[in-house]
Amino acid sequence: MSQVHIAQWVNPTQNTDGTAFASTDFAGIQIEIDGQPAVSVPEASEITSFDLSTLAIWSTLKSGSHTATLAITNKEGNTSAFSAVATFPILAVPMAPTGLTVA
């Protein structure tokens, strides 16, 4: 069974100048894994979750603890600061058995 890691978040309700950030202003997300850009997803409608295991970088992650951060982009092309860091584990996968014989 493969590991699935669903990132979930709460989108902002205000812009940095105090004006309202409406769901109609939402234009996408940017995700960083271990401090490296992982994906920029343009999205026509507001989303609040993403399956991290679908990212190309996923297959390069070694077992252990990793971090994810997220930023929101609005329709004017402005991007928020990145969120607080969230940590998640990648569990070790056993090697295939060896020495199989059939008599």
N, C-alpha and C. Protein backbone atom coordinates (compact mmCIF):
# COMPACT_ATOMS: atom_id res chain seq x y z
N MET A 1 0.84 -1.17 0.00
CA MET A 1 0.00 0.00 0.00
C MET A 1 0.90 1.24 0.00
N SER A 2 0.67 2.16 -0.93
CA SER A 2 1.50 3.36 -0.99
C SER A 2 1.06 4.37 0.05
N GLN A 3 2.01 5.22 0.43
CA GLN A 3 1.73 6.24 1.41
C GLN A 3 1.05 7.42 0.71
N VAL A 4 -0.02 7.90 1.28
CA VAL A 4 -0.71 9.09 0.77
C VAL A 4 -0.65 10.13 1.87
N HIS A 5 -0.24 11.32 1.50
CA HIS A 5 -0.15 12.41 2.46
C HIS A 5 -0.97 13.58 1.92
N ILE A 6 -2.13 13.79 2.49
CA ILE A 6 -3.01 14.87 2.08
C ILE A 6 -2.71 16.10 2.93
N ALA A 7 -2.25 17.15 2.28
CA ALA A 7 -2.04 18.43 2.97
C ALA A 7 -3.40 19.14 3.01
N GLN A 8 -3.77 19.66 4.17
CA GLN A 8 -5.02 20.40 4.33
C GLN A 8 -4.71 21.74 4.99
N TRP A 9 -5.44 22.77 4.62
CA TRP A 9 -5.19 24.10 5.18
C TRP A 9 -6.46 24.93 5.16
N VAL A 10 -6.37 26.09 5.81
CA VAL A 10 -7.45 27.08 5.81
C VAL A 10 -6.95 28.28 5.00
N ASN A 11 -7.68 28.63 3.98
CA ASN A 11 -7.28 29.76 3.15
C ASN A 11 -7.49 31.08 3.89
N PRO A 12 -6.73 32.12 3.52
CA PRO A 12 -6.88 33.41 4.19
C PRO A 12 -8.24 34.03 3.90
N THR A 13 -8.69 34.89 4.80
CA THR A 13 -9.93 35.64 4.61
C THR A 13 -9.65 37.12 4.42
N GLN A 14 -8.36 37.50 4.62
CA GLN A 14 -7.97 38.89 4.45
C GLN A 14 -6.68 38.99 3.66
N ASN A 15 -6.50 40.14 2.99
CA ASN A 15 -5.23 40.49 2.36
C ASN A 15 -4.36 41.17 3.41
N THR A 16 -3.08 41.35 3.13
CA THR A 16 -2.18 41.97 4.09
C THR A 16 -2.54 43.42 4.40
N ASP A 17 -3.32 44.08 3.50
CA ASP A 17 -3.74 45.46 3.77
C ASP A 17 -5.04 45.53 4.57
N GLY A 18 -5.57 44.36 5.00
CA GLY A 18 -6.78 44.32 5.81
C GLY A 18 -8.06 44.18 5.02
N THR A 19 -8.00 44.29 3.69
CA THR A 19 -9.20 44.11 2.89
C THR A 19 -9.54 42.63 2.81
N ALA A 20 -10.77 42.35 2.45
CA ALA A 20 -11.24 40.97 2.39
C ALA A 20 -10.58 40.21 1.23
N PHE A 21 -10.21 38.97 1.49
CA PHE A 21 -9.75 38.05 0.45
C PHE A 21 -10.92 37.10 0.20
N ALA A 22 -11.57 37.27 -0.93
CA ALA A 22 -12.75 36.45 -1.27
C ALA A 22 -12.31 35.19 -2.00
N SER A 23 -13.13 34.16 -1.90
CA SER A 23 -12.82 32.91 -2.59
C SER A 23 -12.70 33.13 -4.10
N THR A 24 -13.37 34.16 -4.62
CA THR A 24 -13.27 34.47 -6.06
C THR A 24 -11.92 35.09 -6.42
N ASP A 25 -11.13 35.51 -5.42
CA ASP A 25 -9.79 36.06 -5.66
C ASP A 25 -8.74 34.95 -5.80
N PHE A 26 -9.09 33.74 -5.39
CA PHE A 26 -8.17 32.61 -5.36
C PHE A 26 -7.76 32.21 -6.79
N ALA A 27 -6.44 32.01 -7.00
CA ALA A 27 -5.98 31.62 -8.34
C ALA A 27 -5.03 30.42 -8.31
N GLY A 28 -4.61 29.97 -7.13
CA GLY A 28 -3.75 28.80 -7.09
C GLY A 28 -2.94 28.69 -5.83
N ILE A 29 -2.10 27.64 -5.79
CA ILE A 29 -1.24 27.38 -4.63
C ILE A 29 0.18 27.10 -5.10
N GLN A 30 1.11 27.32 -4.21
CA GLN A 30 2.49 26.92 -4.42
C GLN A 30 2.88 26.08 -3.21
N ILE A 31 3.52 24.96 -3.47
CA ILE A 31 3.94 24.06 -2.39
C ILE A 31 5.44 23.88 -2.45
N GLU A 32 6.09 23.98 -1.29
CA GLU A 32 7.50 23.66 -1.16
C GLU A 32 7.64 22.43 -0.26
N ILE A 33 8.52 21.52 -0.66
CA ILE A 33 8.84 20.35 0.15
C ILE A 33 10.31 20.47 0.55
N ASP A 34 10.58 20.37 1.83
CA ASP A 34 11.95 20.50 2.36
C ASP A 34 12.62 21.78 1.87
N GLY A 35 11.83 22.87 1.77
CA GLY A 35 12.36 24.17 1.38
C GLY A 35 12.60 24.35 -0.11
N GLN A 36 12.24 23.36 -0.91
CA GLN A 36 12.44 23.42 -2.36
C GLN A 36 11.10 23.50 -3.08
N PRO A 37 10.98 24.35 -4.11
CA PRO A 37 9.72 24.41 -4.85
C PRO A 37 9.33 23.02 -5.37
N ALA A 38 8.10 22.64 -5.11
CA ALA A 38 7.64 21.33 -5.53
C ALA A 38 6.58 21.43 -6.63
N VAL A 39 5.69 22.43 -6.51
CA VAL A 39 4.64 22.57 -7.51
C VAL A 39 3.97 23.93 -7.37
N SER A 40 3.54 24.46 -8.49
CA SER A 40 2.69 25.65 -8.53
C SER A 40 1.45 25.22 -9.29
N VAL A 41 0.31 25.25 -8.62
CA VAL A 41 -0.92 24.73 -9.20
C VAL A 41 -1.90 25.87 -9.44
N PRO A 42 -2.11 26.24 -10.71
CA PRO A 42 -3.18 27.21 -10.96
C PRO A 42 -4.51 26.51 -10.75
N GLU A 43 -5.42 27.17 -10.12
CA GLU A 43 -6.70 26.54 -9.80
C GLU A 43 -7.81 27.57 -9.95
N ALA A 44 -8.82 27.24 -10.72
CA ALA A 44 -9.91 28.17 -10.99
C ALA A 44 -10.84 28.34 -9.79
N SER A 45 -10.87 27.36 -8.90
CA SER A 45 -11.73 27.48 -7.73
C SER A 45 -10.91 27.22 -6.47
N GLU A 46 -11.37 27.77 -5.37
CA GLU A 46 -10.66 27.66 -4.10
C GLU A 46 -10.53 26.20 -3.67
N ILE A 47 -9.32 25.80 -3.32
CA ILE A 47 -9.10 24.45 -2.81
C ILE A 47 -8.48 24.54 -1.41
N THR A 48 -8.65 23.50 -0.62
CA THR A 48 -8.12 23.50 0.75
C THR A 48 -7.39 22.20 1.08
N SER A 49 -7.08 21.40 0.05
CA SER A 49 -6.30 20.19 0.29
C SER A 49 -5.59 19.77 -1.00
N PHE A 50 -4.51 19.00 -0.82
CA PHE A 50 -3.73 18.55 -1.97
C PHE A 50 -3.02 17.26 -1.59
N ASP A 51 -3.02 16.28 -2.48
CA ASP A 51 -2.35 15.00 -2.24
C ASP A 51 -0.87 15.15 -2.58
N LEU A 52 -0.02 15.30 -1.57
CA LEU A 52 1.41 15.50 -1.78
C LEU A 52 2.05 14.32 -2.50
N SER A 53 1.50 13.12 -2.34
CA SER A 53 2.11 11.94 -2.96
C SER A 53 1.98 11.93 -4.48
N THR A 54 1.24 12.89 -5.05
CA THR A 54 1.14 13.00 -6.51
C THR A 54 2.24 13.86 -7.11
N LEU A 55 3.06 14.49 -6.26
CA LEU A 55 4.12 15.37 -6.74
C LEU A 55 5.29 14.58 -7.30
N ALA A 56 5.94 15.09 -8.34
CA ALA A 56 7.10 14.43 -8.93
C ALA A 56 8.21 14.25 -7.91
N ILE A 57 8.38 15.22 -7.02
CA ILE A 57 9.45 15.15 -6.01
C ILE A 57 9.24 14.00 -5.02
N TRP A 58 8.02 13.52 -4.92
CA TRP A 58 7.68 12.50 -3.92
C TRP A 58 8.58 11.27 -4.03
N SER A 59 8.81 10.81 -5.25
CA SER A 59 9.59 9.58 -5.44
C SER A 59 11.06 9.76 -5.05
N THR A 60 11.53 10.99 -4.88
CA THR A 60 12.92 11.23 -4.51
C THR A 60 13.11 11.35 -3.00
N LEU A 61 12.03 11.41 -2.26
CA LEU A 61 12.13 11.59 -0.81
C LEU A 61 12.57 10.30 -0.12
N LYS A 62 13.57 10.39 0.69
CA LYS A 62 14.06 9.24 1.45
C LYS A 62 13.21 9.07 2.71
N SER A 63 13.29 7.90 3.33
CA SER A 63 12.53 7.69 4.56
C SER A 63 13.04 8.66 5.63
N GLY A 64 12.12 9.10 6.47
CA GLY A 64 12.45 10.05 7.52
C GLY A 64 11.44 11.18 7.55
N SER A 65 11.80 12.25 8.25
CA SER A 65 10.92 13.40 8.43
C SER A 65 11.17 14.45 7.35
N HIS A 66 10.09 15.01 6.82
CA HIS A 66 10.15 16.03 5.77
C HIS A 66 9.23 17.19 6.13
N THR A 67 9.40 18.31 5.41
CA THR A 67 8.58 19.49 5.68
C THR A 67 7.82 19.93 4.44
N ALA A 68 6.70 20.58 4.67
CA ALA A 68 5.90 21.17 3.60
C ALA A 68 5.47 22.57 4.03
N THR A 69 5.47 23.50 3.08
CA THR A 69 4.91 24.83 3.29
C THR A 69 4.07 25.18 2.07
N LEU A 70 3.19 26.16 2.23
CA LEU A 70 2.22 26.47 1.20
C LEU A 70 2.02 27.97 1.11
N ALA A 71 1.84 28.48 -0.11
CA ALA A 71 1.48 29.88 -0.34
C ALA A 71 0.28 29.92 -1.28
N ILE A 72 -0.50 30.99 -1.17
CA ILE A 72 -1.69 31.19 -2.00
C ILE A 72 -1.40 32.30 -3.01
N THR A 73 -1.87 32.12 -4.24
CA THR A 73 -1.75 33.15 -5.27
C THR A 73 -3.14 33.69 -5.60
N ASN A 74 -3.23 35.03 -5.77
CA ASN A 74 -4.52 35.61 -6.15
C ASN A 74 -4.57 35.88 -7.64
N LYS A 75 -5.72 36.30 -8.13
CA LYS A 75 -5.91 36.49 -9.57
C LYS A 75 -5.07 37.61 -10.15
N GLU A 76 -4.55 38.50 -9.30
CA GLU A 76 -3.67 39.56 -9.78
C GLU A 76 -2.22 39.07 -9.89
N GLY A 77 -1.97 37.80 -9.51
CA GLY A 77 -0.64 37.23 -9.59
C GLY A 77 0.20 37.45 -8.35
N ASN A 78 -0.39 38.00 -7.30
CA ASN A 78 0.33 38.21 -6.04
C ASN A 78 0.31 36.93 -5.21
N THR A 79 1.44 36.63 -4.60
CA THR A 79 1.56 35.41 -3.80
C THR A 79 1.77 35.77 -2.34
N SER A 80 1.09 35.06 -1.47
CA SER A 80 1.22 35.27 -0.03
C SER A 80 2.59 34.82 0.45
N ALA A 81 2.89 35.14 1.70
CA ALA A 81 4.05 34.53 2.36
C ALA A 81 3.74 33.04 2.50
N PHE A 82 4.78 32.24 2.70
CA PHE A 82 4.55 30.82 2.91
C PHE A 82 4.04 30.56 4.32
N SER A 83 3.24 29.53 4.45
CA SER A 83 2.66 29.13 5.74
C SER A 83 3.74 28.67 6.70
N ALA A 84 3.31 28.42 7.92
CA ALA A 84 4.18 27.76 8.89
C ALA A 84 4.51 26.37 8.34
N VAL A 85 5.63 25.85 8.76
CA VAL A 85 6.10 24.55 8.29
C VAL A 85 5.29 23.43 8.94
N ALA A 86 4.89 22.46 8.13
CA ALA A 86 4.26 21.24 8.64
C ALA A 86 5.22 20.09 8.35
N THR A 87 5.36 19.17 9.28
CA THR A 87 6.24 18.03 9.06
C THR A 87 5.42 16.77 8.81
N PHE A 88 6.00 15.87 8.05
CA PHE A 88 5.35 14.60 7.76
C PHE A 88 6.43 13.54 7.57
N PRO A 89 6.11 12.27 7.87
CA PRO A 89 7.10 11.20 7.72
C PRO A 89 6.97 10.49 6.39
N ILE A 90 8.08 9.98 5.92
CA ILE A 90 8.09 9.00 4.83
C ILE A 90 8.59 7.72 5.49
N LEU A 91 7.79 6.69 5.43
CA LEU A 91 8.12 5.44 6.09
C LEU A 91 9.02 4.59 5.19
N ALA A 92 9.88 3.85 5.81
CA ALA A 92 10.78 2.96 5.08
C ALA A 92 9.97 1.89 4.35
N VAL A 93 10.42 1.54 3.16
CA VAL A 93 9.81 0.47 2.38
C VAL A 93 10.77 -0.69 2.34
N PRO A 94 10.33 -1.90 2.68
CA PRO A 94 11.26 -3.03 2.70
C PRO A 94 11.74 -3.40 1.30
N MET A 95 12.93 -3.95 1.26
CA MET A 95 13.48 -4.48 0.01
C MET A 95 12.68 -5.73 -0.36
N ALA A 96 12.75 -6.10 -1.63
CA ALA A 96 12.09 -7.32 -2.09
C ALA A 96 12.81 -8.54 -1.51
N PRO A 97 12.08 -9.62 -1.28
CA PRO A 97 12.72 -10.85 -0.82
C PRO A 97 13.70 -11.36 -1.88
N THR A 98 14.69 -12.09 -1.45
CA THR A 98 15.68 -12.66 -2.38
C THR A 98 15.79 -14.16 -2.15
N GLY A 99 16.46 -14.82 -3.04
CA GLY A 99 16.75 -16.25 -2.90
C GLY A 99 15.56 -17.16 -3.08
N LEU A 100 14.52 -16.71 -3.76
CA LEU A 100 13.35 -17.55 -3.97
C LEU A 100 13.68 -18.66 -4.96
N THR A 101 13.32 -19.87 -4.60
CA THR A 101 13.45 -21.00 -5.51
C THR A 101 12.15 -21.79 -5.47
N VAL A 102 11.88 -22.46 -6.54
CA VAL A 102 10.72 -23.33 -6.61
C VAL A 102 11.20 -24.68 -7.13
N ALA A 103 10.90 -25.75 -6.40
CA ALA A 103 11.37 -27.09 -6.80
C ALA A 103 10.24 -27.87 -7.39
